[in-house]
C-alpha cells in the first residue's frame, strides 16, 4: 500500500493497526521515501546480511578500522 506522507500523518493510528496485513510505503512529492513493515513480516536487515562476508575473510576489528579510515580520509582510495 502506498500513502502520501500527509495522509499517513493524519491517519497514523489506522495504518499502525493494519501494518500486520501489508507493508506501507510512504511517498512525498510522488517519490517513495519510507517503508513501514511489521517486525515479524521480514527478517531484520542484520539477519539478511549474515553470510555476505565469509567469517575468515575479515575480522570485526579490521572492519572497524577500515570504517574509521574511510571516515577520516574520504579521499583515500582502497589499495
PDB file of N, CA and C in Angstrom:
ATOM      1  N   UNK A   1       0.845  -1.161   0.000  1.00  0.00           N
ATOM      2  CA  UNK A   1       0.000   0.000   0.000  1.00  0.00           C
ATOM      3  C   UNK A   1       0.902   1.239   0.000  1.00  0.00           C
ATOM      4  N   UNK A   2       0.576   2.194  -0.840  1.00  0.00           N
ATOM      5  CA  UNK A   2       1.312   3.453  -0.909  1.00  0.00           C
ATOM      6  C   UNK A   2       0.406   4.569  -0.411  1.00  0.00           C
ATOM      7  N   UNK A   3       0.899   5.357   0.526  1.00  0.00           N
ATOM      8  CA  UNK A   3       0.153   6.509   1.035  1.00  0.00           C
ATOM      9  C   UNK A   3       1.064   7.725   1.038  1.00  0.00           C
ATOM     10  N   UNK A   4       0.454   8.880   0.914  1.00  0.00           N
ATOM     11  CA  UNK A   4       1.252  10.102   0.973  1.00  0.00           C
ATOM     12  C   UNK A   4       1.630  10.378   2.428  1.00  0.00           C
ATOM     13  N   UNK A   5       2.676  11.141   2.613  1.00  0.00           N
ATOM     14  CA  UNK A   5       3.119  11.488   3.961  1.00  0.00           C
ATOM     15  C   UNK A   5       2.025  12.249   4.711  1.00  0.00           C
ATOM     16  N   UNK A   6       1.288  13.088   4.012  1.00  0.00           N
ATOM     17  CA  UNK A   6       0.217  13.855   4.642  1.00  0.00           C
ATOM     18  C   UNK A   6      -0.892  12.941   5.150  1.00  0.00           C
ATOM     19  N   UNK A   7      -1.314  11.974   4.303  1.00  0.00           N
ATOM     20  CA  UNK A   7      -2.344  11.020   4.733  1.00  0.00           C
ATOM     21  C   UNK A   7      -1.836  10.172   5.893  1.00  0.00           C
ATOM     22  N   UNK A   8      -0.573   9.754   5.802  1.00  0.00           N
ATOM     23  CA  UNK A   8      -0.011   8.920   6.858  1.00  0.00           C
ATOM     24  C   UNK A   8      -0.023   9.658   8.193  1.00  0.00           C
ATOM     25  N   UNK A   9       0.393  10.916   8.184  1.00  0.00           N
ATOM     26  CA  UNK A   9       0.399  11.700   9.425  1.00  0.00           C
ATOM     27  C   UNK A   9      -1.006  11.864   9.992  1.00  0.00           C
ATOM     28  N   UNK A  10      -1.979  12.066   9.121  1.00  0.00           N
ATOM     29  CA  UNK A  10      -3.350  12.290   9.571  1.00  0.00           C
ATOM     30  C   UNK A  10      -4.000  11.020  10.107  1.00  0.00           C
ATOM     31  N   UNK A  11      -3.583   9.863   9.587  1.00  0.00           N
ATOM     32  CA  UNK A  11      -4.244   8.599   9.949  1.00  0.00           C
ATOM     33  C   UNK A  11      -3.256   7.554  10.457  1.00  0.00           C
ATOM     34  N   UNK A  12      -2.232   7.967  11.171  1.00  0.00           N
ATOM     35  CA  UNK A  12      -1.182   7.050  11.603  1.00  0.00           C
ATOM     36  C   UNK A  12      -1.731   5.865  12.410  1.00  0.00           C
ATOM     37  N   UNK A  13      -2.714   6.113  13.241  1.00  0.00           N
ATOM     38  CA  UNK A  13      -3.293   5.033  14.045  1.00  0.00           C
ATOM     39  C   UNK A  13      -3.902   3.944  13.183  1.00  0.00           C
ATOM     40  N   UNK A  14      -4.611   4.328  12.143  1.00  0.00           N
ATOM     41  CA  UNK A  14      -5.218   3.373  11.225  1.00  0.00           C
ATOM     42  C   UNK A  14      -4.152   2.514  10.551  1.00  0.00           C
ATOM     43  N   UNK A  15      -3.091   3.151  10.081  1.00  0.00           N
ATOM     44  CA  UNK A  15      -2.041   2.413   9.387  1.00  0.00           C
ATOM     45  C   UNK A  15      -1.268   1.502  10.345  1.00  0.00           C
ATOM     46  N   UNK A  16      -1.045   1.947  11.565  1.00  0.00           N
ATOM     47  CA  UNK A  16      -0.361   1.095  12.543  1.00  0.00           C
ATOM     48  C   UNK A  16      -1.208  -0.125  12.896  1.00  0.00           C
ATOM     49  N   UNK A  17      -2.513   0.034  12.927  1.00  0.00           N
ATOM     50  CA  UNK A  17      -3.394  -1.105  13.204  1.00  0.00           C
ATOM     51  C   UNK A  17      -3.364  -2.130  12.077  1.00  0.00           C
ATOM     52  N   UNK A  18      -3.151  -1.671  10.859  1.00  0.00           N
ATOM     53  CA  UNK A  18      -3.201  -2.554   9.691  1.00  0.00           C
ATOM     54  C   UNK A  18      -1.831  -2.998   9.193  1.00  0.00           C
ATOM     55  N   UNK A  19      -0.784  -2.663   9.887  1.00  0.00           N
ATOM     56  CA  UNK A  19       0.558  -2.965   9.397  1.00  0.00           C
ATOM     57  C   UNK A  19       0.829  -4.465   9.301  1.00  0.00           C
ATOM     58  N   UNK A  20       0.170  -5.262  10.105  1.00  0.00           N
ATOM     59  CA  UNK A  20       0.424  -6.707  10.057  1.00  0.00           C
ATOM     60  C   UNK A  20      -0.104  -7.323   8.763  1.00  0.00           C
ATOM     61  N   UNK A  21      -0.997  -6.645   8.067  1.00  0.00           N
ATOM     62  CA  UNK A  21      -1.571  -7.175   6.828  1.00  0.00           C
ATOM     63  C   UNK A  21      -0.735  -6.845   5.598  1.00  0.00           C
ATOM     64  N   UNK A  22      -0.099  -5.690   5.589  1.00  0.00           N
ATOM     65  CA  UNK A  22       0.556  -5.219   4.374  1.00  0.00           C
ATOM     66  C   UNK A  22       1.653  -4.219   4.720  1.00  0.00           C
ATOM     67  N   UNK A  23       2.706  -4.188   3.921  1.00  0.00           N
ATOM     68  CA  UNK A  23       3.725  -3.150   4.076  1.00  0.00           C
ATOM     69  C   UNK A  23       3.131  -1.820   3.637  1.00  0.00           C
ATOM     70  N   UNK A  24       3.585  -0.749   4.244  1.00  0.00           N
ATOM     71  CA  UNK A  24       3.108   0.582   3.886  1.00  0.00           C
ATOM     72  C   UNK A  24       4.295   1.372   3.357  1.00  0.00           C
ATOM     73  N   UNK A  25       4.148   1.878   2.142  1.00  0.00           N
ATOM     74  CA  UNK A  25       5.169   2.712   1.531  1.00  0.00           C
ATOM     75  C   UNK A  25       4.675   4.145   1.607  1.00  0.00           C
ATOM     76  N   UNK A  26       5.507   5.023   2.156  1.00  0.00           N
ATOM     77  CA  UNK A  26       5.113   6.420   2.342  1.00  0.00           C
ATOM     78  C   UNK A  26       5.785   7.246   1.261  1.00  0.00           C
ATOM     79  N   UNK A  27       4.984   8.044   0.578  1.00  0.00           N
ATOM     80  CA  UNK A  27       5.528   8.849  -0.513  1.00  0.00           C
ATOM     81  C   UNK A  27       5.449  10.338  -0.182  1.00  0.00           C
ATOM     82  N   UNK A  28       6.356  11.065  -0.777  1.00  0.00           N
ATOM     83  CA  UNK A  28       6.375  12.518  -0.643  1.00  0.00           C
ATOM     84  C   UNK A  28       6.775  13.084  -2.001  1.00  0.00           C
ATOM     85  N   UNK A  29       5.974  13.969  -2.505  1.00  0.00           N
ATOM     86  CA  UNK A  29       6.211  14.558  -3.828  1.00  0.00           C
ATOM     87  C   UNK A  29       6.328  13.482  -4.908  1.00  0.00           C
ATOM     88  N   UNK A  30       5.526  12.439  -4.771  1.00  0.00           N
ATOM     89  CA  UNK A  30       5.496  11.388  -5.778  1.00  0.00           C
ATOM     90  C   UNK A  30       6.599  10.347  -5.681  1.00  0.00           C
ATOM     91  N   UNK A  31       7.477  10.462  -4.710  1.00  0.00           N
ATOM     92  CA  UNK A  31       8.579   9.508  -4.565  1.00  0.00           C
ATOM     93  C   UNK A  31       8.439   8.762  -3.244  1.00  0.00           C
ATOM     94  N   UNK A  32       8.698   7.465  -3.269  1.00  0.00           N
ATOM     95  CA  UNK A  32       8.653   6.656  -2.049  1.00  0.00           C
ATOM     96  C   UNK A  32       9.855   7.059  -1.181  1.00  0.00           C
ATOM     97  N   UNK A  33       9.566   7.442   0.060  1.00  0.00           N
ATOM     98  CA  UNK A  33      10.645   7.889   0.953  1.00  0.00           C
ATOM     99  C   UNK A  33      10.834   6.977   2.153  1.00  0.00           C
ATOM    100  N   UNK A  34       9.846   6.106   2.416  1.00  0.00           N
ATOM    101  CA  UNK A  34       9.958   5.233   3.586  1.00  0.00           C
ATOM    102  C   UNK A  34       9.113   3.991   3.391  1.00  0.00           C
ATOM    103  N   UNK A  35       9.501   2.952   4.124  1.00  0.00           N
ATOM    104  CA  UNK A  35       8.738   1.708   4.131  1.00  0.00           C
ATOM    105  C   UNK A  35       8.466   1.346   5.580  1.00  0.00           C
ATOM    106  N   UNK A  36       7.228   1.072   5.887  1.00  0.00           N
ATOM    107  CA  UNK A  36       6.838   0.664   7.224  1.00  0.00           C
ATOM    108  C   UNK A  36       6.362  -0.776   7.132  1.00  0.00           C
ATOM    109  N   UNK A  37       6.973  -1.653   7.926  1.00  0.00           N
ATOM    110  CA  UNK A  37       6.574  -3.055   7.896  1.00  0.00           C
ATOM    111  C   UNK A  37       6.575  -3.615   9.299  1.00  0.00           C
ATOM    112  N   UNK A  38       5.881  -4.705   9.466  1.00  0.00           N
ATOM    113  CA  UNK A  38       5.820  -5.388  10.748  1.00  0.00           C
ATOM    114  C   UNK A  38       7.186  -6.006  11.042  1.00  0.00           C
ATOM    115  N   UNK A  39       7.645  -5.963  12.281  1.00  0.00           N
ATOM    116  CA  UNK A  39       8.956  -6.543  12.584  1.00  0.00           C
ATOM    117  C   UNK A  39       8.979  -8.058  12.401  1.00  0.00           C
ATOM    118  N   UNK A  40       7.830  -8.689  12.381  1.00  0.00           N
ATOM    119  CA  UNK A  40       7.788 -10.138  12.201  1.00  0.00           C
ATOM    120  C   UNK A  40       7.547 -10.543  10.762  1.00  0.00           C
ATOM    121  N   UNK A  41       7.279  -9.589   9.869  1.00  0.00           N
ATOM    122  CA  UNK A  41       6.952  -9.931   8.488  1.00  0.00           C
ATOM    123  C   UNK A  41       8.175 -10.271   7.652  1.00  0.00           C
ATOM    124  N   UNK A  42       9.307  -9.711   7.972  1.00  0.00           N
ATOM    125  CA  UNK A  42      10.520  -9.942   7.197  1.00  0.00           C
ATOM    126  C   UNK A  42      11.686 -10.115   8.151  1.00  0.00           C
ATOM    127  N   UNK A  43      12.724 -10.817   7.690  1.00  0.00           N
ATOM    128  CA  UNK A  43      13.904 -10.890   8.554  1.00  0.00           C
ATOM    129  C   UNK A  43      14.509  -9.503   8.718  1.00  0.00           C
ATOM    130  N   UNK A  44      15.105  -9.264   9.834  1.00  0.00           N
ATOM    131  CA  UNK A  44      15.711  -7.951  10.052  1.00  0.00           C
ATOM    132  C   UNK A  44      16.855  -7.741   9.065  1.00  0.00           C
ATOM    133  N   UNK A  45      17.217  -6.512   8.870  1.00  0.00           N
ATOM    134  CA  UNK A  45      18.300  -6.193   7.949  1.00  0.00           C
ATOM    135  C   UNK A  45      19.586  -6.890   8.372  1.00  0.00           C
ATOM    136  N   UNK A  46      19.833  -6.918   9.659  1.00  0.00           N
ATOM    137  CA  UNK A  46      21.042  -7.574  10.142  1.00  0.00           C
ATOM    138  C   UNK A  46      21.045  -9.047   9.770  1.00  0.00           C
ATOM    139  N   UNK A  47      19.930  -9.724   9.958  1.00  0.00           N
ATOM    140  CA  UNK A  47      19.860 -11.138   9.601  1.00  0.00           C
ATOM    141  C   UNK A  47      20.057 -11.355   8.113  1.00  0.00           C
ATOM    142  N   UNK A  48      19.608 -10.419   7.284  1.00  0.00           N
ATOM    143  CA  UNK A  48      19.766 -10.574   5.846  1.00  0.00           C
ATOM    144  C   UNK A  48      21.213 -10.364   5.407  1.00  0.00           C
ATOM    145  N   UNK A  49      22.017  -9.723   6.252  1.00  0.00           N
ATOM    146  CA  UNK A  49      23.421  -9.506   5.913  1.00  0.00           C
ATOM    147  C   UNK A  49      24.331 -10.655   6.340  1.00  0.00           C
ATOM    148  N   UNK A  50      23.825 -11.510   7.208  1.00  0.00           N
ATOM    149  CA  UNK A  50      24.636 -12.622   7.694  1.00  0.00           C
ATOM    150  C   UNK A  50      25.035 -13.496   6.517  1.00  0.00           C
ATOM    151  N   UNK A  51      26.322 -13.802   6.440  1.00  0.00           N
ATOM    152  CA  UNK A  51      26.818 -14.682   5.394  1.00  0.00           C
ATOM    153  C   UNK A  51      27.339 -13.973   4.164  1.00  0.00           C
ATOM    154  N   UNK A  52      27.179 -12.662   4.072  1.00  0.00           N
ATOM    155  CA  UNK A  52      27.669 -11.950   2.891  1.00  0.00           C
ATOM    156  C   UNK A  52      29.197 -11.952   2.863  1.00  0.00           C
ATOM    157  N   UNK A  53      29.806 -11.693   4.002  1.00  0.00           N
ATOM    158  CA  UNK A  53      31.271 -11.721   4.101  1.00  0.00           C
ATOM    159  C   UNK A  53      31.655 -12.996   4.837  1.00  0.00           C
ATOM    160  N   UNK A  54      32.457 -13.830   4.215  1.00  0.00           N
ATOM    161  CA  UNK A  54      32.884 -15.049   4.917  1.00  0.00           C
ATOM    162  C   UNK A  54      33.611 -14.697   6.206  1.00  0.00           C
ATOM    163  N   UNK A  55      33.396 -15.496   7.239  1.00  0.00           N
ATOM    164  CA  UNK A  55      33.967 -15.195   8.542  1.00  0.00           C
ATOM    165  C   UNK A  55      35.495 -15.159   8.518  1.00  0.00           C
ATOM    166  N   UNK A  56      36.113 -15.949   7.686  1.00  0.00           N
ATOM    167  CA  UNK A  56      37.568 -15.965   7.650  1.00  0.00           C
ATOM    168  C   UNK A  56      38.148 -14.855   6.775  1.00  0.00           C
ATOM    169  N   UNK A  57      37.278 -14.064   6.152  1.00  0.00           N
ATOM    170  CA  UNK A  57      37.743 -13.035   5.221  1.00  0.00           C
ATOM    171  C   UNK A  57      38.191 -11.758   5.926  1.00  0.00           C
ATOM    172  N   UNK A  58      37.436 -11.290   6.898  1.00  0.00           N
ATOM    173  CA  UNK A  58      37.759 -10.043   7.578  1.00  0.00           C
ATOM    174  C   UNK A  58      37.298 -10.130   9.025  1.00  0.00           C
ATOM    175  N   UNK A  59      38.118  -9.626   9.903  1.00  0.00           N
ATOM    176  CA  UNK A  59      37.746  -9.659  11.319  1.00  0.00           C
ATOM    177  C   UNK A  59      36.926  -8.413  11.658  1.00  0.00           C
ATOM    178  N   UNK A  60      36.259  -8.480  12.780  1.00  0.00           N
ATOM    179  CA  UNK A  60      35.464  -7.343  13.228  1.00  0.00           C
ATOM    180  C   UNK A  60      36.354  -6.120  13.463  1.00  0.00           C
ATOM    181  N   UNK A  61      37.538  -6.340  14.043  1.00  0.00           N
ATOM    182  CA  UNK A  61      38.466  -5.223  14.263  1.00  0.00           C
ATOM    183  C   UNK A  61      38.940  -4.622  12.948  1.00  0.00           C
ATOM    184  N   UNK A  62      39.203  -5.475  11.947  1.00  0.00           N
ATOM    185  CA  UNK A  62      39.612  -4.965  10.637  1.00  0.00           C
ATOM    186  C   UNK A  62      38.497  -4.136   9.994  1.00  0.00           C
ATOM    187  N   UNK A  63      37.262  -4.607  10.125  1.00  0.00           N
ATOM    188  CA  UNK A  63      36.127  -3.867   9.561  1.00  0.00           C
ATOM    189  C   UNK A  63      35.968  -2.516  10.252  1.00  0.00           C
ATOM    190  N   UNK A  64      36.124  -2.483  11.571  1.00  0.00           N
ATOM    191  CA  UNK A  64      36.047  -1.212  12.299  1.00  0.00           C
ATOM    192  C   UNK A  64      37.146  -0.250  11.850  1.00  0.00           C
ATOM    193  N   UNK A  65      38.366  -0.766  11.736  1.00  0.00           N
ATOM    194  CA  UNK A  65      39.494   0.080  11.336  1.00  0.00           C
ATOM    195  C   UNK A  65      39.271   0.626   9.921  1.00  0.00           C
ATOM    196  N   UNK A  66      38.780  -0.200   9.034  1.00  0.00           N
ATOM    197  CA  UNK A  66      38.512   0.253   7.674  1.00  0.00           C
ATOM    198  C   UNK A  66      37.464   1.368   7.669  1.00  0.00           C
ATOM    199  N   UNK A  67      36.411   1.215   8.472  1.00  0.00           N
ATOM    200  CA  UNK A  67      35.368   2.233   8.559  1.00  0.00           C
ATOM    201  C   UNK A  67      35.925   3.542   9.115  1.00  0.00           C
ATOM    202  N   UNK A  68      36.772   3.447  10.141  1.00  0.00           N
ATOM    203  CA  UNK A  68      37.382   4.643  10.739  1.00  0.00           C
ATOM    204  C   UNK A  68      38.263   5.355   9.732  1.00  0.00           C
ATOM    205  N   UNK A  69      39.050   4.600   8.995  1.00  0.00           N
ATOM    206  CA  UNK A  69      39.948   5.191   7.996  1.00  0.00           C
ATOM    207  C   UNK A  69      39.147   5.865   6.887  1.00  0.00           C
ATOM    208  N   UNK A  70      38.072   5.225   6.434  1.00  0.00           N
ATOM    209  CA  UNK A  70      37.239   5.824   5.382  1.00  0.00           C
ATOM    210  C   UNK A  70      36.636   7.147   5.826  1.00  0.00           C
ATOM    211  N   UNK A  71      36.220   7.215   7.095  1.00  0.00           N
ATOM    212  CA  UNK A  71      35.645   8.467   7.605  1.00  0.00           C
ATOM    213  C   UNK A  71      36.708   9.530   7.787  1.00  0.00           C
ATOM    214  N   UNK A  72      37.901   9.146   8.243  1.00  0.00           N
ATOM    215  CA  UNK A  72      38.964  10.109   8.498  1.00  0.00           C
ATOM    216  C   UNK A  72      39.596  10.618   7.210  1.00  0.00           C
ATOM    217  N   UNK A  73      39.693   9.735   6.204  1.00  0.00           N
ATOM    218  CA  UNK A  73      40.339  10.079   4.948  1.00  0.00           C
ATOM    219  C   UNK A  73      39.426   9.698   3.780  1.00  0.00           C
ATOM    220  N   UNK A  74      38.361  10.460   3.542  1.00  0.00           N
ATOM    221  CA  UNK A  74      37.400  10.085   2.483  1.00  0.00           C
ATOM    222  C   UNK A  74      37.999  10.095   1.079  1.00  0.00           C
ATOM    223  N   UNK A  75      39.067  10.863   0.874  1.00  0.00           N
ATOM    224  CA  UNK A  75      39.671  10.920  -0.451  1.00  0.00           C
ATOM    225  C   UNK A  75      40.605   9.756  -0.725  1.00  0.00           C
ATOM    226  N   UNK A  76      40.979   8.999   0.301  1.00  0.00           N
ATOM    227  CA  UNK A  76      41.904   7.872   0.156  1.00  0.00           C
ATOM    228  C   UNK A  76      41.237   6.717  -0.585  1.00  0.00           C
ATOM    229  N   UNK A  77      41.903   6.196  -1.568  1.00  0.00           N
ATOM    230  CA  UNK A  77      41.393   5.072  -2.345  1.00  0.00           C
ATOM    231  C   UNK A  77      41.866   3.767  -1.725  1.00  0.00           C
ATOM    232  N   UNK A  78      41.031   2.741  -1.823  1.00  0.00           N
ATOM    233  CA  UNK A  78      41.386   1.427  -1.291  1.00  0.00           C
ATOM    234  C   UNK A  78      42.429   0.796  -2.200  1.00  0.00           C
ATOM    235  N   UNK A  79      43.455   0.232  -1.595  1.00  0.00           N
ATOM    236  CA  UNK A  79      44.560  -0.361  -2.366  1.00  0.00           C
ATOM    237  C   UNK A  79      44.302  -1.825  -2.591  1.00  0.00           C
TER     238      UNK A  79
END
